[in-house]
């Protein structure tokens, strides 16, 4: 999505991936296999369901998306298959 829309979005859109995998090697392999080089990656190693990030966004499953506007307003929270992210970003 980032590569496809790079000309339109430029530096206006940023995707941040947060992983809950326990091993860095698993995360790195997934990033490499899926060619997610343009995504900023964070990890919650040792995460628990009571982690503040999980609680704040009411994460109930994985994958999970939180779409935030450039003004910091949360635009969408939930499963990515429930919306057309690309259209919503545009």
Protein backbone atom coordinates (compact mmCIF):
# COMPACT_ATOMS: atom_id res chain seq x y z
CA UNK A 1 0.00 0.00 0.00
CA UNK A 2 2.83 2.41 0.85
CA UNK A 3 4.75 1.61 -2.33
CA UNK A 4 1.63 1.79 -4.50
CA UNK A 5 0.65 5.20 -3.12
CA UNK A 6 4.12 6.64 -2.56
CA UNK A 7 3.61 9.31 -5.23
CA UNK A 8 0.31 10.44 -3.69
CA UNK A 9 1.04 10.02 0.01
CA UNK A 10 4.73 10.98 0.04
CA UNK A 11 5.74 11.47 3.65
CA UNK A 12 2.17 12.18 4.79
CA UNK A 13 1.39 8.55 5.66
CA UNK A 14 3.35 6.40 8.06
CA UNK A 15 2.62 2.81 8.99
CA UNK A 16 3.90 1.56 12.31
CA UNK A 17 3.84 -2.16 12.96
CA UNK A 18 3.75 -3.38 16.55
CA UNK A 19 4.68 -6.99 17.10
CA UNK A 20 3.85 -9.13 20.11
CA UNK A 21 6.10 -12.02 19.02
CA UNK A 22 8.50 -13.19 21.69
CA UNK A 23 11.57 -13.65 19.50
CA UNK A 24 13.32 -10.96 17.48
CA UNK A 25 14.24 -13.53 14.82
CA UNK A 26 10.54 -14.28 14.19
CA UNK A 27 9.83 -10.57 13.75
CA UNK A 28 12.82 -10.02 11.45
CA UNK A 29 11.89 -13.03 9.31
CA UNK A 30 8.30 -11.77 8.88
CA UNK A 31 9.51 -8.26 7.97
CA UNK A 32 11.92 -9.70 5.41
CA UNK A 33 9.45 -12.20 3.92
CA UNK A 34 6.67 -9.63 3.55
CA UNK A 35 9.06 -6.90 2.34
CA UNK A 36 7.88 -4.47 4.99
CA UNK A 37 10.99 -2.29 4.76
CA UNK A 38 9.01 0.98 4.61
CA UNK A 39 7.11 0.24 7.82
CA UNK A 40 8.37 1.46 11.19
CA UNK A 41 8.53 -1.53 13.53
CA UNK A 42 8.03 -1.64 17.27
CA UNK A 43 7.77 -4.63 19.54
CA UNK A 44 6.10 -5.39 22.84
CA UNK A 45 8.39 -8.24 23.90
CA UNK A 46 6.96 -9.87 26.97
CA UNK A 47 3.62 -8.11 26.44
CA UNK A 48 0.66 -8.89 28.63
CA UNK A 49 -3.03 -8.24 28.11
CA UNK A 50 -2.84 -5.50 30.72
CA UNK A 51 -0.12 -3.59 28.81
CA UNK A 52 -1.15 0.11 28.62
CA UNK A 53 -1.08 0.09 24.81
CA UNK A 54 -3.37 -2.95 24.67
CA UNK A 55 -5.74 -1.39 27.22
CA UNK A 56 -5.79 2.09 25.68
CA UNK A 57 -6.71 0.87 22.21
CA UNK A 58 -8.92 -1.99 23.45
CA UNK A 59 -7.04 -4.56 21.38
CA UNK A 60 -9.13 -7.71 21.28
CA UNK A 61 -7.28 -9.65 18.60
CA UNK A 62 -4.52 -9.70 16.06
CA UNK A 63 -4.19 -8.22 13.48
CA UNK A 64 -5.35 -4.88 14.79
CA UNK A 65 -5.35 -1.41 13.22
CA UNK A 66 -5.47 2.05 14.72
CA UNK A 67 -5.74 4.77 12.09
CA UNK A 68 -4.69 8.18 13.42
CA UNK A 69 -4.99 11.47 11.53
CA UNK A 70 -2.15 13.96 11.26
CA UNK A 71 -3.92 15.94 14.00
CA UNK A 72 -3.79 12.97 16.38
CA UNK A 73 -7.48 12.10 16.06
CA UNK A 74 -8.22 8.39 16.08
CA UNK A 75 -10.08 7.67 12.85
CA UNK A 76 -10.51 3.90 13.11
CA UNK A 77 -9.80 1.15 15.62
CA UNK A 78 -10.35 -2.52 14.86
CA UNK A 79 -9.59 -5.39 12.52
CA UNK A 80 -8.12 -4.32 9.15
CA UNK A 81 -10.50 -6.54 7.17
CA UNK A 82 -13.47 -4.50 8.39
CA UNK A 83 -12.56 -1.41 6.35
CA UNK A 84 -10.72 -0.44 3.19
CA UNK A 85 -7.65 1.14 4.78
CA UNK A 86 -6.30 2.51 1.53
CA UNK A 87 -9.57 4.28 0.73
CA UNK A 88 -9.89 5.53 4.31
CA UNK A 89 -6.37 6.98 4.20
CA UNK A 90 -7.04 8.64 0.86
